[in-house]
Amino acid sequence: MIKTLFTKIKKIFSFNNEDVSNTSPQFRLRYNGSSVFDYNFLMNLKEQDYPKYLSQSYYIKFGQKLNLRHPKTINEKIQWLKLYDNIPMKTLLSDKVLVRDWVKEKIGEKYIKPILWTGNNFNDIPFNSLPDNFIIKANHGCSWNIFIKDKNKFLLNEKLFQYTKEQIDGWMDQSFFGWSDFETQYKKIKPQIIIEPIIGNKKSGALREIEIWCFNSDPKIFQNFPANDYAKKKIVSTYDENFENIDLKFLQNCILNQEAPDDKLKEAVELSKILANGFKLVRIDWIVDNNNLYFGEMTFTPQSGYIVFPKEYENWNLKLGKMLKLKGE
C-alpha cells in the first residue's frame, strides 16, 4: 500500500507536460472535490514543492504552461500571488470572524452585517434563542453556508438535523486550503461557526451584490449584480474606474447589462479604496439590502486564478494582468 501511494505521488510530480493522460487519477479527482487522498496530500505538501504543484495544476486546468518567473495574464499573476505574496494579514482578513473588527475599525460599524452567534462546536449552538430563519456559516472557507429557513421544521427533522451537524463537524475538522485550488491564505485560519440572520426582502428582491476589483490598492473594475438576481449572477453591469460601462464579464452564462451606476456603487468604491490600501490584488464584495450597504468579504485570489473567460472576453486575461503590477514591474 505504501508503494502504491508513493507511485501516485510520484506521478503527480513527474508527468510529461505535453501529455496529461498519464496523470494520477487521484490528482484529476482533486478538481471535483471527491478525493480524500488529495486533501491529505495537499495539507502535507512541503512548501518547496508548492510551485511545482501549482504549475502542474495550472497545466491540467488550461493545457498551458504556467510562467511564474514572468507572469503576464491575470490568472498567472494570481498563481504568483498564492506563492509569493501570502502575507499573514491576508489570512486574518480571509477569516470571516476576524475581518469584521478590522473593517469596523477602518470604515465603521454600520457596514458590518449583524451576527447572532459564534463558536466552534455545533452542540453549543443556542437554537432556542435564534430567530425563525438564519444562516450557518464556516469562517474559514468559501460557500460553506447552510440556510435554515424554518427553524422549527429543521429541529423536528431528525435526519436533516443530523446531516447538518455532520457537515458542519466536517468543516470544523478541515482546512479549506485542502479543498480549494491552493488558496494559501486559508491554510492557517482557526475554524469557527458563524450564525447570521438572513437579510433581504425576497418578495421585493431588494438584495443585490457589488464586486470591486482593486489593483495595487486602487479600485479599477466594478461589477453590479442587480436586485432579483442575487446569488444567481445571471445579469451584470461592469464599469471602469470612471464609472463608464465596459464590455467585460467573468462568468460564462451571464448577460451583460448597461445599468447606470448609482450612489451605492459609488459609495462601495470609495470604501474599497480604504480597505484595499496596501494590497496588490483584492476583490471586495458588498451587499445592498434595500438602502443599506454591507461589507461582504475580501477575496485575495479571485476564482483561485482559474478564471475561464467567455471566448469573446479572453483578451481580458492579459488586459487585467497588465493592470496588476507585481514586484519589478
Protein backbone atom coordinates (compact mmCIF):
# COMPACT_ATOMS: atom_id res chain seq x y z
CA MET A 1 0.00 0.00 0.00
CA ILE A 2 2.83 2.38 0.85
CA LYS A 3 4.45 1.60 -2.50
CA THR A 4 1.16 2.35 -4.32
CA LEU A 5 0.77 5.68 -2.52
CA PHE A 6 4.35 6.64 -3.35
CA THR A 7 3.74 5.79 -7.01
CA LYS A 8 0.68 8.09 -7.10
CA ILE A 9 2.61 10.97 -5.57
CA LYS A 10 5.50 10.39 -7.94
CA LYS A 11 3.15 10.54 -10.91
CA ILE A 12 1.76 13.87 -9.73
CA PHE A 13 5.22 15.40 -9.78
CA SER A 14 6.65 13.76 -12.87
CA PHE A 15 4.10 13.67 -15.68
CA ASN A 16 5.01 15.00 -19.12
CA ASN A 17 3.56 18.49 -19.62
CA GLU A 18 2.85 17.65 -23.25
CA ASP A 19 0.55 14.75 -22.30
CA VAL A 20 -1.65 14.69 -19.19
CA SER A 21 -3.11 11.28 -20.00
CA ASN A 22 -0.70 9.62 -17.56
CA THR A 23 -1.53 11.95 -14.69
CA SER A 24 -2.57 10.22 -11.50
CA PRO A 25 -6.37 9.67 -11.42
CA GLN A 26 -6.30 10.88 -7.81
CA PHE A 27 -4.88 14.17 -8.99
CA ARG A 28 -7.62 14.63 -11.56
CA LEU A 29 -10.28 13.86 -8.96
CA ARG A 30 -8.87 16.79 -7.00
CA TYR A 31 -10.96 19.11 -9.19
CA ASN A 32 -14.35 17.68 -8.32
CA GLY A 33 -13.58 17.52 -4.62
CA SER A 34 -14.10 13.77 -4.36
CA SER A 35 -10.63 12.62 -3.34
CA VAL A 36 -9.66 12.41 0.34
CA PHE A 37 -6.19 11.40 -0.78
CA ASP A 38 -5.69 14.77 -2.43
CA TYR A 39 -6.81 16.66 0.69
CA ASN A 40 -4.26 14.86 2.84
CA PHE A 41 -1.65 15.18 0.10
CA LEU A 42 -2.05 18.96 -0.14
CA MET A 43 -2.18 19.51 3.61
CA ASN A 44 1.13 17.67 3.99
CA LEU A 45 2.82 19.02 0.88
CA LYS A 46 6.14 20.73 1.63
CA GLU A 47 6.30 24.41 0.77
CA GLN A 48 9.29 23.94 -1.51
CA ASP A 49 7.04 21.78 -3.69
CA TYR A 50 4.25 24.38 -3.94
CA PRO A 51 5.49 25.93 -7.25
CA LYS A 52 5.76 22.53 -8.92
CA TYR A 53 2.29 21.51 -7.76
CA LEU A 54 0.75 24.79 -8.94
CA SER A 55 2.47 24.57 -12.32
CA GLN A 56 1.06 21.11 -12.95
CA SER A 57 -2.36 22.05 -11.58
CA TYR A 58 -2.43 25.04 -13.95
CA TYR A 59 -1.45 22.88 -16.92
CA ILE A 60 -4.22 20.39 -16.20
CA LYS A 61 -6.73 23.22 -15.93
CA PHE A 62 -5.75 25.22 -19.02
CA GLY A 63 -3.43 23.00 -21.06
CA GLN A 64 -0.81 25.76 -20.85
CA LYS A 65 2.48 26.08 -19.01
CA LEU A 66 2.45 28.45 -16.05
CA ASN A 67 5.01 31.26 -16.26
CA LEU A 68 5.89 32.07 -12.64
CA ARG A 69 9.11 33.94 -13.47
CA HIS A 70 7.43 36.45 -15.75
CA PRO A 71 3.64 36.12 -15.29
CA LYS A 72 1.60 38.20 -17.69
CA THR A 73 -2.07 37.27 -17.51
CA ILE A 74 -4.31 37.87 -14.50
CA ASN A 75 -4.58 34.10 -13.98
CA GLU A 76 -0.79 33.68 -13.95
CA LYS A 77 -0.34 36.62 -11.60
CA ILE A 78 -2.90 35.24 -9.15
CA GLN A 79 -0.89 31.98 -9.08
CA TRP A 80 2.22 34.07 -8.35
CA LEU A 81 0.41 35.84 -5.51
CA LYS A 82 -0.54 32.49 -3.94
CA LEU A 83 3.14 31.59 -3.69
CA TYR A 84 4.97 34.83 -3.08
CA ASP A 85 2.51 37.27 -1.52
CA ASN A 86 0.85 35.13 1.12
CA ILE A 87 1.25 37.63 3.95
CA PRO A 88 -0.30 36.92 7.40
CA MET A 89 -2.72 39.84 7.00
CA LYS A 90 -4.44 38.00 4.16
CA THR A 91 -5.11 35.07 6.48
CA LEU A 92 -6.60 37.39 9.09
CA LEU A 93 -8.83 39.15 6.56
CA SER A 94 -9.96 35.89 4.95
CA ASP A 95 -11.29 34.84 8.37
CA LYS A 96 -14.98 35.79 8.29
CA VAL A 97 -14.95 36.47 12.04
CA LEU A 98 -11.70 38.41 12.48
CA VAL A 99 -12.20 40.54 9.37
CA ARG A 100 -15.26 42.16 10.95
CA ASP A 101 -13.32 44.00 13.65
CA TRP A 102 -10.73 45.17 11.12
CA VAL A 103 -13.38 46.50 8.71
CA LYS A 104 -15.29 48.09 11.59
CA GLU A 105 -12.14 49.95 12.62
CA LYS A 106 -11.44 51.09 9.06
CA ILE A 107 -14.87 52.25 7.87
CA GLY A 108 -17.33 51.97 10.75
CA GLU A 109 -19.78 49.52 12.30
CA LYS A 110 -22.74 50.50 10.08
CA TYR A 111 -21.28 48.46 7.22
CA ILE A 112 -21.00 45.21 9.21
CA LYS A 113 -23.77 42.61 8.93
CA PRO A 114 -25.21 41.58 12.32
CA ILE A 115 -24.03 38.33 13.85
CA LEU A 116 -26.09 36.10 16.14
CA TRP A 117 -23.53 33.63 17.48
CA THR A 118 -20.00 32.28 17.00
CA GLY A 119 -18.37 29.15 18.38
CA ASN A 120 -16.52 26.02 17.33
CA ASN A 121 -18.90 23.26 18.39
CA PHE A 122 -22.24 22.51 16.73
CA ASN A 123 -23.58 21.15 20.04
CA ASP A 124 -23.18 24.60 21.61
CA ILE A 125 -25.43 26.41 19.12
CA PRO A 126 -28.29 28.05 21.13
CA PHE A 127 -31.09 27.14 18.74
CA ASN A 128 -33.83 28.12 21.21
CA SER A 129 -32.66 31.74 21.24
CA LEU A 130 -32.20 32.04 17.48
CA PRO A 131 -34.80 33.62 15.17
CA ASP A 132 -37.06 31.58 12.89
CA ASN A 133 -34.56 31.75 10.00
CA PHE A 134 -30.79 32.22 9.84
CA ILE A 135 -27.58 31.18 8.05
CA ILE A 136 -24.97 28.84 9.49
CA LYS A 137 -21.51 29.55 8.05
CA ALA A 138 -17.91 28.50 8.47
CA ASN A 139 -15.42 31.34 8.88
CA HIS A 140 -12.56 29.60 7.12
CA GLY A 141 -13.90 28.70 3.67
CA CYS A 142 -15.88 29.74 0.65
CA SER A 143 -19.53 28.79 0.04
CA TRP A 144 -19.64 26.83 3.29
CA ASN A 145 -23.13 28.12 4.14
CA ILE A 146 -26.37 26.45 5.22
CA PHE A 147 -29.64 28.40 5.07
CA ILE A 148 -32.18 27.49 7.73
CA LYS A 149 -35.46 29.00 6.51
CA ASP A 150 -37.73 27.44 9.13
CA LYS A 151 -36.09 26.68 12.46
CA ASN A 152 -38.93 24.59 13.87
CA LYS A 153 -39.10 22.30 10.83
CA PHE A 154 -35.34 21.98 10.90
CA LEU A 155 -35.22 20.98 14.57
CA LEU A 156 -38.03 18.46 14.13
CA ASN A 157 -36.44 16.83 11.09
CA GLU A 158 -34.02 14.47 12.83
CA LYS A 159 -32.41 13.25 9.61
CA LEU A 160 -31.79 16.78 8.29
CA PHE A 161 -30.55 17.97 11.67
CA GLN A 162 -28.05 15.10 11.92
CA TYR A 163 -26.89 15.61 8.34
CA THR A 164 -26.30 19.31 9.03
CA LYS A 165 -24.38 18.51 12.20
CA GLU A 166 -22.13 16.05 10.38
CA GLN A 167 -21.50 18.55 7.60
CA ILE A 168 -20.54 21.33 9.98
CA ASP A 169 -18.45 18.99 12.14
CA GLY A 170 -16.61 18.11 8.94
CA TRP A 171 -15.96 21.78 8.21
CA MET A 172 -14.60 22.32 11.71
CA ASP A 173 -12.18 19.43 11.24
CA GLN A 174 -10.77 20.59 7.89
CA SER A 175 -8.90 23.42 6.23
CA PHE A 176 -10.43 24.96 3.12
CA PHE A 177 -6.90 25.12 1.73
CA GLY A 178 -7.03 21.38 1.13
CA TRP A 179 -10.23 21.62 -0.93
CA SER A 180 -9.64 24.92 -2.72
CA ASP A 181 -7.39 25.35 -5.73
CA PHE A 182 -4.43 26.02 -3.47
CA GLU A 183 -5.57 29.30 -1.88
CA THR A 184 -2.81 29.55 0.71
CA GLN A 185 -4.40 32.31 2.80
CA TYR A 186 -6.97 29.81 4.13
CA LYS A 187 -4.49 27.26 5.45
CA LYS A 188 -3.93 28.67 8.96
CA ILE A 189 -7.39 30.04 9.78
CA LYS A 190 -8.77 28.67 13.06
CA PRO A 191 -12.22 27.19 12.24
CA GLN A 192 -15.34 28.74 13.76
CA ILE A 193 -19.08 28.55 13.20
CA ILE A 194 -20.90 31.80 12.46
CA ILE A 195 -24.66 32.31 12.61
CA GLU A 196 -26.12 35.35 10.86
CA PRO A 197 -29.69 36.49 10.23
CA ILE A 198 -30.99 36.15 6.69
CA ILE A 199 -31.15 39.66 5.27
CA GLY A 200 -33.05 40.94 2.27
CA ASN A 201 -36.67 41.02 1.26
CA LYS A 202 -37.12 38.07 -1.07
CA LYS A 203 -40.55 39.30 -2.24
CA SER A 204 -39.26 42.68 -3.36
CA GLY A 205 -35.90 41.32 -4.49
CA ALA A 206 -34.11 44.21 -2.81
CA LEU A 207 -30.89 42.32 -2.18
CA ARG A 208 -28.08 42.83 -4.69
CA GLU A 209 -24.30 42.41 -4.84
CA ILE A 210 -21.43 44.67 -5.82
CA GLU A 211 -17.90 43.45 -6.53
CA ILE A 212 -14.98 45.89 -6.60
CA TRP A 213 -11.72 44.69 -8.15
CA CYS A 214 -8.76 46.60 -6.71
CA PHE A 215 -5.33 46.54 -8.35
CA ASN A 216 -2.32 47.81 -6.37
CA SER A 217 -4.66 49.42 -3.81
CA ASP A 218 -6.85 51.18 -6.42
CA PRO A 219 -10.40 50.18 -7.42
CA LYS A 220 -10.33 49.64 -11.18
CA ILE A 221 -13.16 47.29 -12.21
CA PHE A 222 -16.66 47.37 -10.68
CA GLN A 223 -19.45 44.85 -11.11
CA ASN A 224 -23.08 45.25 -10.15
CA PHE A 225 -25.36 42.22 -9.89
CA PRO A 226 -28.86 43.71 -9.70
CA ALA A 227 -31.77 43.04 -7.38
CA ASN A 228 -33.79 39.88 -8.08
CA ASP A 229 -30.57 38.27 -9.30
CA TYR A 230 -28.60 37.95 -6.04
CA ALA A 231 -26.67 34.65 -5.79
CA LYS A 232 -27.74 33.66 -9.33
CA LYS A 233 -25.40 36.12 -11.04
CA LYS A 234 -27.13 35.82 -14.40
CA ILE A 235 -27.05 39.56 -15.12
CA VAL A 236 -24.19 42.01 -14.55
CA SER A 237 -23.19 45.58 -15.33
CA THR A 238 -19.43 46.21 -15.43
CA TYR A 239 -17.71 49.59 -15.10
CA ASP A 240 -14.20 51.01 -15.30
CA GLU A 241 -12.68 53.40 -12.75
CA ASN A 242 -14.54 56.31 -14.37
CA PHE A 243 -17.90 54.55 -13.90
CA GLU A 244 -18.23 54.02 -17.63
CA ASN A 245 -19.88 50.78 -18.79
CA ILE A 246 -17.33 48.38 -20.26
CA ASP A 247 -17.69 45.19 -22.26
CA LEU A 248 -16.47 42.62 -19.70
CA LYS A 249 -17.95 39.67 -17.86
CA PHE A 250 -16.22 36.90 -15.94
CA LEU A 251 -18.96 34.28 -15.99
CA GLN A 252 -19.98 32.11 -18.95
CA ASN A 253 -23.77 32.08 -18.62
CA CYS A 254 -24.17 35.72 -17.73
CA ILE A 255 -25.95 38.54 -19.56
CA LEU A 256 -24.07 41.82 -19.77
CA ASN A 257 -26.23 44.80 -18.84
CA GLN A 258 -25.75 48.56 -19.22
CA GLU A 259 -27.29 49.73 -15.96
CA ALA A 260 -26.22 53.21 -14.88
CA PRO A 261 -24.08 53.39 -11.70
CA ASP A 262 -25.92 54.52 -8.58
CA ASP A 263 -24.87 56.09 -5.27
CA LYS A 264 -24.42 52.73 -3.51
CA LEU A 265 -21.96 51.56 -6.14
CA LYS A 266 -20.01 54.78 -5.81
CA GLU A 267 -20.06 54.51 -2.02
CA ALA A 268 -18.75 50.94 -2.24
CA VAL A 269 -15.90 52.13 -4.45
CA GLU A 270 -14.87 54.86 -2.01
CA LEU A 271 -14.94 52.43 0.92
CA SER A 272 -12.99 49.87 -1.09
CA LYS A 273 -10.19 52.39 -1.56
CA ILE A 274 -9.73 52.38 2.20
CA LEU A 275 -9.90 48.61 2.63
CA ALA A 276 -7.70 47.78 -0.38
CA ASN A 277 -4.82 50.01 0.68
CA GLY A 278 -1.55 48.09 0.73
CA PHE A 279 -2.74 45.02 -1.19
CA LYS A 280 -1.61 44.08 -4.68
CA LEU A 281 -4.92 42.48 -5.61
CA VAL A 282 -8.19 42.14 -3.75
CA ARG A 283 -11.81 41.86 -4.81
CA ILE A 284 -14.09 43.39 -2.20
CA ASP A 285 -17.70 42.22 -2.20
CA TRP A 286 -20.62 44.26 -0.92
CA ILE A 287 -24.30 43.54 -0.35
CA VAL A 288 -27.05 46.12 -0.75
CA ASP A 289 -30.16 45.38 1.30
CA ASN A 290 -32.79 47.98 0.36
CA ASN A 291 -30.78 51.15 1.04
CA ASN A 292 -28.21 49.61 3.40
CA LEU A 293 -24.71 48.81 2.20
CA TYR A 294 -22.94 45.93 3.94
CA PHE A 295 -19.41 44.59 3.66
CA GLY A 296 -19.37 41.03 2.33
CA GLU A 297 -15.83 39.71 2.13
CA MET A 298 -12.32 40.27 0.78
CA THR A 299 -11.13 37.83 -1.87
CA PHE A 300 -7.38 37.88 -2.49
CA THR A 301 -7.27 35.14 -5.13
CA PRO A 302 -10.45 35.57 -7.22
CA GLN A 303 -11.59 32.23 -8.64
CA SER A 304 -8.20 31.00 -7.42
CA GLY A 305 -6.60 32.28 -10.62
CA TYR A 306 -8.56 29.86 -12.79
CA ILE A 307 -10.86 32.41 -14.40
CA VAL A 308 -12.38 30.86 -17.52
CA PHE A 309 -13.35 33.93 -19.53
CA PRO A 310 -16.13 33.60 -22.10
CA LYS A 311 -14.47 33.21 -25.51
CA GLU A 312 -15.18 36.75 -26.68
CA TYR A 313 -13.61 38.15 -23.48
CA GLU A 314 -10.41 36.09 -23.40
CA ASN A 315 -8.33 39.18 -24.22
CA TRP A 316 -9.20 40.48 -20.75
CA ASN A 317 -6.96 37.83 -19.22
CA LEU A 318 -3.95 39.78 -20.49
CA LYS A 319 -5.53 43.24 -20.10
CA LEU A 320 -6.27 42.65 -16.42
CA GLY A 321 -2.81 41.16 -16.00
CA LYS A 322 -1.29 44.42 -17.28
CA MET A 323 -3.34 46.35 -14.70
CA LEU A 324 -1.78 44.36 -11.85
CA LYS A 325 1.81 45.38 -11.18
CA LEU A 326 3.98 42.87 -9.34
CA LYS A 327 7.47 43.31 -7.95
CA GLY A 328 9.82 44.75 -10.54
CA GLU A 329 7.10 45.84 -12.99
